[in-house]
Structure formats: structure tokens, C-alpha cells
């Protein structure tokens, strides 16, 4: 039992350390919802759904988002948990099909 607790703590610590909280917290997701940012939105969705390249910070952002989704942001700091909930809700409202495809892809790899 003690070993299980230690292993669990080590796994949670590894996930928390692997997240680039500042990158996710400071990413301007709002730009994706801006109608004038159609090219950015297409690039974002192509990257997240493995239908196109992930250039620059987008690859690192994707890696972080995948980890957040897998854990439902359970190991995230409180401010990131709220941001995750807000952004997920906005995606659900604006782009439900893309959100469903992404979540299905990520959760299938668990």
C-alpha cells in the first residue's frame, strides 16, 4: 500500500513538472475565436487534430494540452483549472465537432 502511494505521488509530480503552466496560462486562446483570425484557427485545429504541422510553440502547447486533457487538469494549479474550464466551455459552444474529435483522439490514447 505504501508503495502504491509513493508511485502515485511520483507520477503526479512528474505530470505536474512536465506541464509548462505559463505557456498554457498565457496562450491567447481568445485569438482562435476571433473571426478575423481564420488562418490561425485553421493552423491550430490542424495541429491539434494531427491534420497539419505544429509550428513553433504550437507543438509544445499541444503536448501540454494533451497532458491536461488526460488528467482533466487534476494536477493543474487552481488558476489553470479555471482557465481550462472556461476555454473548454468556449470550444464546446463555438467548435463542438473539433473539440469532440480532439478529446476522442487524446482520450483514446490514455
PDB file of N, CA and C in Angstrom:
ATOM      1  N   UNK A   1       0.823  -1.195   0.000  1.00  0.00           N
ATOM      2  CA  UNK A   1       0.000   0.000   0.000  1.00  0.00           C
ATOM      3  C   UNK A   1       0.866   1.258   0.000  1.00  0.00           C
ATOM      4  N   UNK A   2       1.916   1.251   0.821  1.00  0.00           N
ATOM      5  CA  UNK A   2       2.806   2.406   0.859  1.00  0.00           C
ATOM      6  C   UNK A   2       3.475   2.620  -0.482  1.00  0.00           C
ATOM      7  N   UNK A   3       3.853   1.522  -1.130  1.00  0.00           N
ATOM      8  CA  UNK A   3       4.498   1.612  -2.435  1.00  0.00           C
ATOM      9  C   UNK A   3       3.556   2.243  -3.456  1.00  0.00           C
ATOM     10  N   UNK A   4       2.286   1.856  -3.421  1.00  0.00           N
ATOM     11  CA  UNK A   4       1.297   2.410  -4.329  1.00  0.00           C
ATOM     12  C   UNK A   4       1.161   3.918  -4.121  1.00  0.00           C
ATOM     13  N   UNK A   5       1.137   4.357  -2.893  1.00  0.00           N
ATOM     14  CA  UNK A   5       1.045   5.795  -2.590  1.00  0.00           C
ATOM     15  C   UNK A   5       2.273   6.540  -3.103  1.00  0.00           C
ATOM     16  N   UNK A   6       3.442   5.972  -2.904  1.00  0.00           N
ATOM     17  CA  UNK A   6       4.670   6.613  -3.362  1.00  0.00           C
ATOM     18  C   UNK A   6       4.686   6.700  -4.883  1.00  0.00           C
ATOM     19  N   UNK A   7       4.328   5.607  -5.551  1.00  0.00           N
ATOM     20  CA  UNK A   7       4.305   5.599  -7.018  1.00  0.00           C
ATOM     21  C   UNK A   7       3.308   6.624  -7.535  1.00  0.00           C
ATOM     22  N   UNK A   8       2.136   6.692  -6.930  1.00  0.00           N
ATOM     23  CA  UNK A   8       1.121   7.662  -7.335  1.00  0.00           C
ATOM     24  C   UNK A   8       1.632   9.086  -7.187  1.00  0.00           C
ATOM     25  N   UNK A   9       2.268   9.382  -6.074  1.00  0.00           N
ATOM     26  CA  UNK A   9       2.815  10.717  -5.856  1.00  0.00           C
ATOM     27  C   UNK A   9       3.898  11.050  -6.876  1.00  0.00           C
ATOM     28  N   UNK A  10       4.741  10.094  -7.193  1.00  0.00           N
ATOM     29  CA  UNK A  10       5.804  10.318  -8.180  1.00  0.00           C
ATOM     30  C   UNK A  10       5.200  10.591  -9.554  1.00  0.00           C
ATOM     31  N   UNK A  11       4.173   9.832  -9.934  1.00  0.00           N
ATOM     32  CA  UNK A  11       3.524  10.050 -11.236  1.00  0.00           C
ATOM     33  C   UNK A  11       2.882  11.429 -11.275  1.00  0.00           C
ATOM     34  N   UNK A  12       2.152  11.809 -10.234  1.00  0.00           N
ATOM     35  CA  UNK A  12       1.526  13.132 -10.201  1.00  0.00           C
ATOM     36  C   UNK A  12       2.576  14.232 -10.257  1.00  0.00           C
ATOM     37  N   UNK A  13       3.665  14.072  -9.555  1.00  0.00           N
ATOM     38  CA  UNK A  13       4.729  15.071  -9.576  1.00  0.00           C
ATOM     39  C   UNK A  13       5.349  15.165 -10.961  1.00  0.00           C
ATOM     40  N   UNK A  14       5.535  14.047 -11.628  1.00  0.00           N
ATOM     41  CA  UNK A  14       6.117  14.058 -12.974  1.00  0.00           C
ATOM     42  C   UNK A  14       5.200  14.771 -13.954  1.00  0.00           C
ATOM     43  N   UNK A  15       3.898  14.514 -13.873  1.00  0.00           N
ATOM     44  CA  UNK A  15       2.949  15.193 -14.757  1.00  0.00           C
ATOM     45  C   UNK A  15       2.950  16.691 -14.478  1.00  0.00           C
ATOM     46  N   UNK A  16       2.915  17.060 -13.214  1.00  0.00           N
ATOM     47  CA  UNK A  16       2.898  18.480 -12.856  1.00  0.00           C
ATOM     48  C   UNK A  16       4.167  19.180 -13.325  1.00  0.00           C
ATOM     49  N   UNK A  17       5.318  18.508 -13.177  1.00  0.00           N
ATOM     50  CA  UNK A  17       6.571  19.124 -13.607  1.00  0.00           C
ATOM     51  C   UNK A  17       6.666  19.213 -15.115  1.00  0.00           C
ATOM     52  N   UNK A  18       6.038  18.290 -15.846  1.00  0.00           N
ATOM     53  CA  UNK A  18       6.154  18.291 -17.297  1.00  0.00           C
ATOM     54  C   UNK A  18       5.287  19.369 -17.935  1.00  0.00           C
ATOM     55  N   UNK A  19       4.313  19.883 -17.220  1.00  0.00           N
ATOM     56  CA  UNK A  19       3.464  20.930 -17.763  1.00  0.00           C
ATOM     57  C   UNK A  19       4.184  22.274 -17.765  1.00  0.00           C
ATOM     58  N   UNK A  20       4.074  22.962 -18.876  1.00  0.00           N
ATOM     59  CA  UNK A  20       4.565  24.335 -18.949  1.00  0.00           C
ATOM     60  C   UNK A  20       3.367  25.226 -18.656  1.00  0.00           C
ATOM     61  N   UNK A  21       3.101  25.414 -17.388  1.00  0.00           N
ATOM     62  CA  UNK A  21       1.914  26.136 -16.932  1.00  0.00           C
ATOM     63  C   UNK A  21       1.855  27.534 -17.526  1.00  0.00           C
ATOM     64  N   UNK A  22       2.975  28.232 -17.562  1.00  0.00           N
ATOM     65  CA  UNK A  22       2.982  29.598 -18.095  1.00  0.00           C
ATOM     66  C   UNK A  22       2.601  29.632 -19.571  1.00  0.00           C
ATOM     67  N   UNK A  23       3.084  28.667 -20.346  1.00  0.00           N
ATOM     68  CA  UNK A  23       2.751  28.627 -21.771  1.00  0.00           C
ATOM     69  C   UNK A  23       1.249  28.487 -21.958  1.00  0.00           C
ATOM     70  N   UNK A  24       0.648  27.561 -21.256  1.00  0.00           N
ATOM     71  CA  UNK A  24      -0.795  27.326 -21.395  1.00  0.00           C
ATOM     72  C   UNK A  24      -1.587  28.489 -20.813  1.00  0.00           C
ATOM     73  N   UNK A  25      -1.165  28.957 -19.663  1.00  0.00           N
ATOM     74  CA  UNK A  25      -1.882  30.047 -18.985  1.00  0.00           C
ATOM     75  C   UNK A  25      -1.862  31.333 -19.811  1.00  0.00           C
ATOM     76  N   UNK A  26      -0.750  31.586 -20.492  1.00  0.00           N
ATOM     77  CA  UNK A  26      -0.587  32.845 -21.218  1.00  0.00           C
ATOM     78  C   UNK A  26      -0.932  32.771 -22.702  1.00  0.00           C
ATOM     79  N   UNK A  27      -1.217  31.566 -23.222  1.00  0.00           N
ATOM     80  CA  UNK A  27      -1.558  31.446 -24.640  1.00  0.00           C
ATOM     81  C   UNK A  27      -2.858  32.193 -24.899  1.00  0.00           C
ATOM     82  N   UNK A  28      -2.899  32.941 -25.956  1.00  0.00           N
ATOM     83  CA  UNK A  28      -4.059  33.766 -26.278  1.00  0.00           C
ATOM     84  C   UNK A  28      -5.094  32.954 -27.061  1.00  0.00           C
ATOM     85  N   UNK A  29      -5.772  32.047 -26.346  1.00  0.00           N
ATOM     86  CA  UNK A  29      -6.809  31.231 -26.970  1.00  0.00           C
ATOM     87  C   UNK A  29      -7.916  32.090 -27.564  1.00  0.00           C
ATOM     88  N   UNK A  30      -8.116  33.271 -27.001  1.00  0.00           N
ATOM     89  CA  UNK A  30      -9.166  34.167 -27.474  1.00  0.00           C
ATOM     90  C   UNK A  30      -8.992  34.481 -28.955  1.00  0.00           C
ATOM     91  N   UNK A  31      -7.742  34.501 -29.437  1.00  0.00           N
ATOM     92  CA  UNK A  31      -7.493  34.780 -30.851  1.00  0.00           C
ATOM     93  C   UNK A  31      -8.103  33.717 -31.749  1.00  0.00           C
ATOM     94  N   UNK A  32      -8.188  32.491 -31.273  1.00  0.00           N
ATOM     95  CA  UNK A  32      -8.760  31.406 -32.061  1.00  0.00           C
ATOM     96  C   UNK A  32     -10.245  31.671 -32.327  1.00  0.00           C
ATOM     97  N   UNK A  33     -10.903  32.347 -31.411  1.00  0.00           N
ATOM     98  CA  UNK A  33     -12.333  32.621 -31.547  1.00  0.00           C
ATOM     99  C   UNK A  33     -12.617  33.922 -32.294  1.00  0.00           C
ATOM    100  N   UNK A  34     -11.591  34.676 -32.631  1.00  0.00           N
ATOM    101  CA  UNK A  34     -11.734  35.936 -33.360  1.00  0.00           C
ATOM    102  C   UNK A  34     -11.984  35.621 -34.836  1.00  0.00           C
ATOM    103  N   UNK A  35     -13.120  36.048 -35.387  1.00  0.00           N
ATOM    104  CA  UNK A  35     -13.421  35.768 -36.796  1.00  0.00           C
ATOM    105  C   UNK A  35     -12.339  36.263 -37.763  1.00  0.00           C
ATOM    106  N   UNK A  36     -11.604  37.278 -37.382  1.00  0.00           N
ATOM    107  CA  UNK A  36     -10.548  37.817 -38.243  1.00  0.00           C
ATOM    108  C   UNK A  36      -9.291  36.931 -38.237  1.00  0.00           C
ATOM    109  N   UNK A  37      -9.250  35.947 -37.345  1.00  0.00           N
ATOM    110  CA  UNK A  37      -8.071  35.083 -37.211  1.00  0.00           C
ATOM    111  C   UNK A  37      -8.315  33.690 -37.808  1.00  0.00           C
ATOM    112  N   UNK A  38      -8.945  33.642 -38.970  1.00  0.00           N
ATOM    113  CA  UNK A  38      -9.297  32.372 -39.595  1.00  0.00           C
ATOM    114  C   UNK A  38      -8.070  31.499 -39.861  1.00  0.00           C
ATOM    115  N   UNK A  39      -6.985  32.080 -40.341  1.00  0.00           N
ATOM    116  CA  UNK A  39      -5.767  31.307 -40.638  1.00  0.00           C
ATOM    117  C   UNK A  39      -5.187  30.703 -39.359  1.00  0.00           C
ATOM    118  N   UNK A  40      -5.174  31.469 -38.287  1.00  0.00           N
ATOM    119  CA  UNK A  40      -4.669  30.974 -37.005  1.00  0.00           C
ATOM    120  C   UNK A  40      -5.525  29.813 -36.507  1.00  0.00           C
ATOM    121  N   UNK A  41      -6.830  29.961 -36.603  1.00  0.00           N
ATOM    122  CA  UNK A  41      -7.754  28.918 -36.158  1.00  0.00           C
ATOM    123  C   UNK A  41      -7.534  27.629 -36.963  1.00  0.00           C
ATOM    124  N   UNK A  42      -7.388  27.754 -38.267  1.00  0.00           N
ATOM    125  CA  UNK A  42      -7.158  26.572 -39.109  1.00  0.00           C
ATOM    126  C   UNK A  42      -5.835  25.900 -38.756  1.00  0.00           C
ATOM    127  N   UNK A  43      -4.789  26.692 -38.515  1.00  0.00           N
ATOM    128  CA  UNK A  43      -3.483  26.152 -38.136  1.00  0.00           C
ATOM    129  C   UNK A  43      -3.579  25.433 -36.785  1.00  0.00           C
ATOM    130  N   UNK A  44      -4.269  26.047 -35.842  1.00  0.00           N
ATOM    131  CA  UNK A  44      -4.441  25.474 -34.506  1.00  0.00           C
ATOM    132  C   UNK A  44      -5.152  24.122 -34.590  1.00  0.00           C
ATOM    133  N   UNK A  45      -6.302  24.085 -35.276  1.00  0.00           N
ATOM    134  CA  UNK A  45      -7.064  22.845 -35.370  1.00  0.00           C
ATOM    135  C   UNK A  45      -6.299  21.775 -36.148  1.00  0.00           C
ATOM    136  N   UNK A  46      -5.614  22.160 -37.218  1.00  0.00           N
ATOM    137  CA  UNK A  46      -4.834  21.187 -37.988  1.00  0.00           C
ATOM    138  C   UNK A  46      -3.766  20.545 -37.111  1.00  0.00           C
ATOM    139  N   UNK A  47      -3.092  21.346 -36.305  1.00  0.00           N
ATOM    140  CA  UNK A  47      -2.063  20.834 -35.401  1.00  0.00           C
ATOM    141  C   UNK A  47      -2.680  19.920 -34.346  1.00  0.00           C
ATOM    142  N   UNK A  48      -3.695  20.388 -33.674  1.00  0.00           N
ATOM    143  CA  UNK A  48      -4.283  19.639 -32.569  1.00  0.00           C
ATOM    144  C   UNK A  48      -4.890  18.316 -33.021  1.00  0.00           C
ATOM    145  N   UNK A  49      -5.395  18.273 -34.258  1.00  0.00           N
ATOM    146  CA  UNK A  49      -6.044  17.066 -34.760  1.00  0.00           C
ATOM    147  C   UNK A  49      -5.124  16.219 -35.627  1.00  0.00           C
ATOM    148  N   UNK A  50      -3.824  16.547 -35.634  1.00  0.00           N
ATOM    149  CA  UNK A  50      -2.827  15.821 -36.429  1.00  0.00           C
ATOM    150  C   UNK A  50      -3.154  15.824 -37.916  1.00  0.00           C
ATOM    151  N   UNK A  51      -3.681  16.943 -38.385  1.00  0.00           N
ATOM    152  CA  UNK A  51      -4.012  17.084 -39.808  1.00  0.00           C
ATOM    153  C   UNK A  51      -3.103  18.091 -40.496  1.00  0.00           C
ATOM    154  N   UNK A  52      -2.134  18.601 -39.768  1.00  0.00           N
ATOM    155  CA  UNK A  52      -1.200  19.577 -40.316  1.00  0.00           C
ATOM    156  C   UNK A  52      -0.039  19.753 -39.359  1.00  0.00           C
ATOM    157  N   UNK A  53       0.933  20.563 -39.767  1.00  0.00           N
ATOM    158  CA  UNK A  53       2.116  20.750 -38.925  1.00  0.00           C
ATOM    159  C   UNK A  53       1.819  21.577 -37.670  1.00  0.00           C
ATOM    160  N   UNK A  54       2.660  21.371 -36.674  1.00  0.00           N
ATOM    161  CA  UNK A  54       2.604  22.155 -35.446  1.00  0.00           C
ATOM    162  C   UNK A  54       3.875  23.001 -35.415  1.00  0.00           C
ATOM    163  N   UNK A  55       3.759  24.233 -35.803  1.00  0.00           N
ATOM    164  CA  UNK A  55       4.929  25.099 -35.898  1.00  0.00           C
ATOM    165  C   UNK A  55       5.189  25.848 -34.592  1.00  0.00           C
ATOM    166  N   UNK A  56       6.465  26.035 -34.290  1.00  0.00           N
ATOM    167  CA  UNK A  56       6.876  26.842 -33.140  1.00  0.00           C
ATOM    168  C   UNK A  56       6.329  26.341 -31.820  1.00  0.00           C
ATOM    169  N   UNK A  57       5.801  27.268 -31.053  1.00  0.00           N
ATOM    170  CA  UNK A  57       5.268  26.954 -29.723  1.00  0.00           C
ATOM    171  C   UNK A  57       4.003  26.103 -29.778  1.00  0.00           C
ATOM    172  N   UNK A  58       3.407  25.988 -30.960  1.00  0.00           N
ATOM    173  CA  UNK A  58       2.173  25.220 -31.078  1.00  0.00           C
ATOM    174  C   UNK A  58       2.387  23.748 -30.721  1.00  0.00           C
ATOM    175  N   UNK A  59       3.537  23.175 -31.078  1.00  0.00           N
ATOM    176  CA  UNK A  59       3.822  21.778 -30.730  1.00  0.00           C
ATOM    177  C   UNK A  59       3.919  21.607 -29.218  1.00  0.00           C
ATOM    178  N   UNK A  60       4.627  22.526 -28.577  1.00  0.00           N
ATOM    179  CA  UNK A  60       4.762  22.449 -27.115  1.00  0.00           C
ATOM    180  C   UNK A  60       3.404  22.678 -26.445  1.00  0.00           C
ATOM    181  N   UNK A  61       2.618  23.604 -26.987  1.00  0.00           N
ATOM    182  CA  UNK A  61       1.283  23.853 -26.457  1.00  0.00           C
ATOM    183  C   UNK A  61       0.433  22.585 -26.580  1.00  0.00           C
ATOM    184  N   UNK A  62       0.498  21.941 -27.734  1.00  0.00           N
ATOM    185  CA  UNK A  62      -0.270  20.719 -27.949  1.00  0.00           C
ATOM    186  C   UNK A  62       0.121  19.647 -26.927  1.00  0.00           C
ATOM    187  N   UNK A  63       1.406  19.450 -26.719  1.00  0.00           N
ATOM    188  CA  UNK A  63       1.872  18.450 -25.759  1.00  0.00           C
ATOM    189  C   UNK A  63       1.321  18.732 -24.368  1.00  0.00           C
ATOM    190  N   UNK A  64       1.320  20.002 -23.988  1.00  0.00           N
ATOM    191  CA  UNK A  64       0.800  20.387 -22.670  1.00  0.00           C
ATOM    192  C   UNK A  64      -0.709  20.174 -22.590  1.00  0.00           C
ATOM    193  N   UNK A  65      -1.411  20.546 -23.640  1.00  0.00           N
ATOM    194  CA  UNK A  65      -2.868  20.400 -23.635  1.00  0.00           C
ATOM    195  C   UNK A  65      -3.254  18.925 -23.573  1.00  0.00           C
ATOM    196  N   UNK A  66      -2.524  18.085 -24.285  1.00  0.00           N
ATOM    197  CA  UNK A  66      -2.797  16.648 -24.234  1.00  0.00           C
ATOM    198  C   UNK A  66      -2.670  16.137 -22.798  1.00  0.00           C
ATOM    199  N   UNK A  67      -1.620  16.535 -22.098  1.00  0.00           N
ATOM    200  CA  UNK A  67      -1.448  16.105 -20.706  1.00  0.00           C
ATOM    201  C   UNK A  67      -2.562  16.644 -19.812  1.00  0.00           C
ATOM    202  N   UNK A  68      -2.972  17.872 -20.063  1.00  0.00           N
ATOM    203  CA  UNK A  68      -4.052  18.474 -19.266  1.00  0.00           C
ATOM    204  C   UNK A  68      -5.351  17.726 -19.490  1.00  0.00           C
ATOM    205  N   UNK A  69      -5.654  17.406 -20.743  1.00  0.00           N
ATOM    206  CA  UNK A  69      -6.895  16.691 -21.055  1.00  0.00           C
ATOM    207  C   UNK A  69      -6.883  15.294 -20.433  1.00  0.00           C
ATOM    208  N   UNK A  70      -5.756  14.603 -20.529  1.00  0.00           N
ATOM    209  CA  UNK A  70      -5.663  13.240 -19.982  1.00  0.00           C
ATOM    210  C   UNK A  70      -5.945  13.205 -18.488  1.00  0.00           C
ATOM    211  N   UNK A  71      -5.555  14.254 -17.781  1.00  0.00           N
ATOM    212  CA  UNK A  71      -5.750  14.298 -16.334  1.00  0.00           C
ATOM    213  C   UNK A  71      -6.948  15.159 -15.934  1.00  0.00           C
ATOM    214  N   UNK A  72      -7.665  15.681 -16.942  1.00  0.00           N
ATOM    215  CA  UNK A  72      -8.769  16.611 -16.707  1.00  0.00           C
ATOM    216  C   UNK A  72      -8.308  17.785 -15.843  1.00  0.00           C
ATOM    217  N   UNK A  73      -7.064  18.149 -16.040  1.00  0.00           N
ATOM    218  CA  UNK A  73      -6.427  19.270 -15.342  1.00  0.00           C
ATOM    219  C   UNK A  73      -6.410  19.059 -13.826  1.00  0.00           C
ATOM    220  N   UNK A  74      -6.419  17.808 -13.423  1.00  0.00           N
ATOM    221  CA  UNK A  74      -6.446  17.480 -11.996  1.00  0.00           C
ATOM    222  C   UNK A  74      -5.201  17.898 -11.246  1.00  0.00           C
ATOM    223  N   UNK A  75      -4.049  17.950 -11.937  1.00  0.00           N
ATOM    224  CA  UNK A  75      -2.802  18.342 -11.281  1.00  0.00           C
ATOM    225  C   UNK A  75      -2.427  19.791 -11.583  1.00  0.00           C
ATOM    226  N   UNK A  76      -3.333  20.513 -12.224  1.00  0.00           N
ATOM    227  CA  UNK A  76      -3.057  21.902 -12.583  1.00  0.00           C
ATOM    228  C   UNK A  76      -3.224  22.824 -11.376  1.00  0.00           C
ATOM    229  N   UNK A  77      -2.486  23.939 -11.380  1.00  0.00           N
ATOM    230  CA  UNK A  77      -2.759  24.955 -10.362  1.00  0.00           C
ATOM    231  C   UNK A  77      -4.197  25.471 -10.522  1.00  0.00           C
ATOM    232  N   UNK A  78      -4.764  26.003  -9.470  1.00  0.00           N
ATOM    233  CA  UNK A  78      -6.160  26.437  -9.465  1.00  0.00           C
ATOM    234  C   UNK A  78      -6.465  27.403 -10.610  1.00  0.00           C
ATOM    235  N   UNK A  79      -5.600  28.385 -10.853  1.00  0.00           N
ATOM    236  CA  UNK A  79      -5.890  29.359 -11.903  1.00  0.00           C
ATOM    237  C   UNK A  79      -5.914  28.707 -13.289  1.00  0.00           C
ATOM    238  N   UNK A  80      -5.113  27.673 -13.489  1.00  0.00           N
ATOM    239  CA  UNK A  80      -5.121  26.972 -14.769  1.00  0.00           C
ATOM    240  C   UNK A  80      -6.351  26.071 -14.880  1.00  0.00           C
ATOM    241  N   UNK A  81      -6.800  25.514 -13.781  1.00  0.00           N
ATOM    242  CA  UNK A  81      -8.021  24.705 -13.804  1.00  0.00           C
ATOM    243  C   UNK A  81      -9.209  25.547 -14.267  1.00  0.00           C
ATOM    244  N   UNK A  82      -9.294  26.780 -13.771  1.00  0.00           N
ATOM    245  CA  UNK A  82     -10.398  27.657 -14.163  1.00  0.00           C
ATOM    246  C   UNK A  82     -10.271  28.045 -15.634  1.00  0.00           C
ATOM    247  N   UNK A  83      -9.054  28.335 -16.059  1.00  0.00           N
ATOM    248  CA  UNK A  83      -8.833  28.692 -17.478  1.00  0.00           C
ATOM    249  C   UNK A  83      -9.193  27.502 -18.371  1.00  0.00           C
ATOM    250  N   UNK A  84      -8.798  26.307 -17.981  1.00  0.00           N
ATOM    251  CA  UNK A  84      -9.127  25.098 -18.736  1.00  0.00           C
ATOM    252  C   UNK A  84     -10.643  24.946 -18.865  1.00  0.00           C
ATOM    253  N   UNK A  85     -11.349  25.126 -17.771  1.00  0.00           N
ATOM    254  CA  UNK A  85     -12.808  25.005 -17.788  1.00  0.00           C
ATOM    255  C   UNK A  85     -13.437  26.061 -18.702  1.00  0.00           C
ATOM    256  N   UNK A  86     -12.965  27.293 -18.608  1.00  0.00           N
ATOM    257  CA  UNK A  86     -13.508  28.386 -19.430  1.00  0.00           C
ATOM    258  C   UNK A  86     -13.262  28.151 -20.916  1.00  0.00           C
ATOM    259  N   UNK A  87     -12.030  27.787 -21.256  1.00  0.00           N
ATOM    260  CA  UNK A  87     -11.672  27.583 -22.665  1.00  0.00           C
ATOM    261  C   UNK A  87     -12.406  26.370 -23.225  1.00  0.00           C
ATOM    262  N   UNK A  88     -12.501  25.291 -22.448  1.00  0.00           N
ATOM    263  CA  UNK A  88     -13.218  24.100 -22.907  1.00  0.00           C
ATOM    264  C   UNK A  88     -14.683  24.428 -23.171  1.00  0.00           C
ATOM    265  N   UNK A  89     -15.274  25.211 -22.299  1.00  0.00           N
ATOM    266  CA  UNK A  89     -16.668  25.610 -22.475  1.00  0.00           C
ATOM    267  C   UNK A  89     -16.833  26.451 -23.744  1.00  0.00           C
ATOM    268  N   UNK A  90     -15.896  27.346 -23.983  1.00  0.00           N
ATOM    269  CA  UNK A  90     -15.950  28.193 -25.190  1.00  0.00           C
ATOM    270  C   UNK A  90     -15.801  27.344 -26.451  1.00  0.00           C
ATOM    271  N   UNK A  91     -14.860  26.381 -26.446  1.00  0.00           N
ATOM    272  CA  UNK A  91     -14.706  25.483 -27.589  1.00  0.00           C
ATOM    273  C   UNK A  91     -15.978  24.667 -27.796  1.00  0.00           C
ATOM    274  N   UNK A  92     -16.578  24.206 -26.707  1.00  0.00           N
ATOM    275  CA  UNK A  92     -17.813  23.418 -26.809  1.00  0.00           C
ATOM    276  C   UNK A  92     -18.910  24.229 -27.485  1.00  0.00           C
ATOM    277  N   UNK A  93     -18.979  25.496 -27.175  1.00  0.00           N
ATOM    278  CA  UNK A  93     -20.009  26.368 -27.746  1.00  0.00           C
ATOM    279  C   UNK A  93     -19.710  26.712 -29.205  1.00  0.00           C
ATOM    280  N   UNK A  94     -18.457  27.069 -29.503  1.00  0.00           N
ATOM    281  CA  UNK A  94     -18.087  27.586 -30.824  1.00  0.00           C
ATOM    282  C   UNK A  94     -17.678  26.490 -31.818  1.00  0.00           C
ATOM    283  N   UNK A  95     -16.984  25.460 -31.343  1.00  0.00           N
ATOM    284  CA  UNK A  95     -16.428  24.431 -32.222  1.00  0.00           C
ATOM    285  C   UNK A  95     -16.619  23.029 -31.612  1.00  0.00           C
ATOM    286  N   UNK A  96     -17.862  22.625 -31.417  1.00  0.00           N
ATOM    287  CA  UNK A  96     -18.109  21.344 -30.738  1.00  0.00           C
ATOM    288  C   UNK A  96     -17.544  20.131 -31.493  1.00  0.00           C
ATOM    289  N   UNK A  97     -17.604  20.136 -32.811  1.00  0.00           N
ATOM    290  CA  UNK A  97     -17.104  18.984 -33.570  1.00  0.00           C
ATOM    291  C   UNK A  97     -15.595  18.831 -33.412  1.00  0.00           C
ATOM    292  N   UNK A  98     -14.876  19.938 -33.515  1.00  0.00           N
ATOM    293  CA  UNK A  98     -13.425  19.896 -33.366  1.00  0.00           C
ATOM    294  C   UNK A  98     -13.026  19.488 -31.953  1.00  0.00           C
ATOM    295  N   UNK A  99     -13.738  20.008 -30.955  1.00  0.00           N
ATOM    296  CA  UNK A  99     -13.454  19.640 -29.571  1.00  0.00           C
ATOM    297  C   UNK A  99     -13.705  18.145 -29.366  1.00  0.00           C
ATOM    298  N   UNK A 100     -14.807  17.653 -29.881  1.00  0.00           N
ATOM    299  CA  UNK A 100     -15.117  16.227 -29.757  1.00  0.00           C
ATOM    300  C   UNK A 100     -14.028  15.378 -30.408  1.00  0.00           C
ATOM    301  N   UNK A 101     -13.616  15.747 -31.612  1.00  0.00           N
ATOM    302  CA  UNK A 101     -12.568  14.992 -32.312  1.00  0.00           C
ATOM    303  C   UNK A 101     -11.266  14.989 -31.517  1.00  0.00           C
ATOM    304  N   UNK A 102     -10.885  16.140 -30.980  1.00  0.00           N
ATOM    305  CA  UNK A 102      -9.645  16.242 -30.215  1.00  0.00           C
ATOM    306  C   UNK A 102      -9.728  15.417 -28.932  1.00  0.00           C
ATOM    307  N   UNK A 103     -10.804  15.578 -28.195  1.00  0.00           N
ATOM    308  CA  UNK A 103     -10.950  14.844 -26.939  1.00  0.00           C
ATOM    309  C   UNK A 103     -10.969  13.340 -27.191  1.00  0.00           C
ATOM    310  N   UNK A 104     -11.668  12.911 -28.222  1.00  0.00           N
ATOM    311  CA  UNK A 104     -11.724  11.491 -28.559  1.00  0.00           C
ATOM    312  C   UNK A 104     -10.340  10.959 -28.891  1.00  0.00           C
ATOM    313  N   UNK A 105      -9.584  11.717 -29.668  1.00  0.00           N
ATOM    314  CA  UNK A 105      -8.236  11.312 -30.057  1.00  0.00           C
ATOM    315  C   UNK A 105      -7.336  11.192 -28.833  1.00  0.00           C
ATOM    316  N   UNK A 106      -7.368  12.188 -27.978  1.00  0.00           N
ATOM    317  CA  UNK A 106      -6.499  12.209 -26.796  1.00  0.00           C
ATOM    318  C   UNK A 106      -6.892  11.121 -25.806  1.00  0.00           C
ATOM    319  N   UNK A 107      -8.164  10.999 -25.533  1.00  0.00           N
ATOM    320  CA  UNK A 107      -8.612  10.045 -24.529  1.00  0.00           C
ATOM    321  C   UNK A 107      -8.494   8.603 -25.016  1.00  0.00           C
ATOM    322  N   UNK A 108      -8.477   8.387 -26.315  1.00  0.00           N
ATOM    323  CA  UNK A 108      -8.288   7.040 -26.861  1.00  0.00           C
ATOM    324  C   UNK A 108      -6.859   6.552 -26.638  1.00  0.00           C
ATOM    325  N   UNK A 109      -5.917   7.496 -26.451  1.00  0.00           N
ATOM    326  CA  UNK A 109      -4.500   7.153 -26.249  1.00  0.00           C
ATOM    327  C   UNK A 109      -4.148   6.962 -24.791  1.00  0.00           C
ATOM    328  N   UNK A 110      -5.086   7.106 -23.883  1.00  0.00           N
ATOM    329  CA  UNK A 110      -4.815   7.009 -22.439  1.00  0.00           C
ATOM    330  C   UNK A 110      -4.184   5.725 -22.057  1.00  0.00           C
TER     331      UNK A 110
END
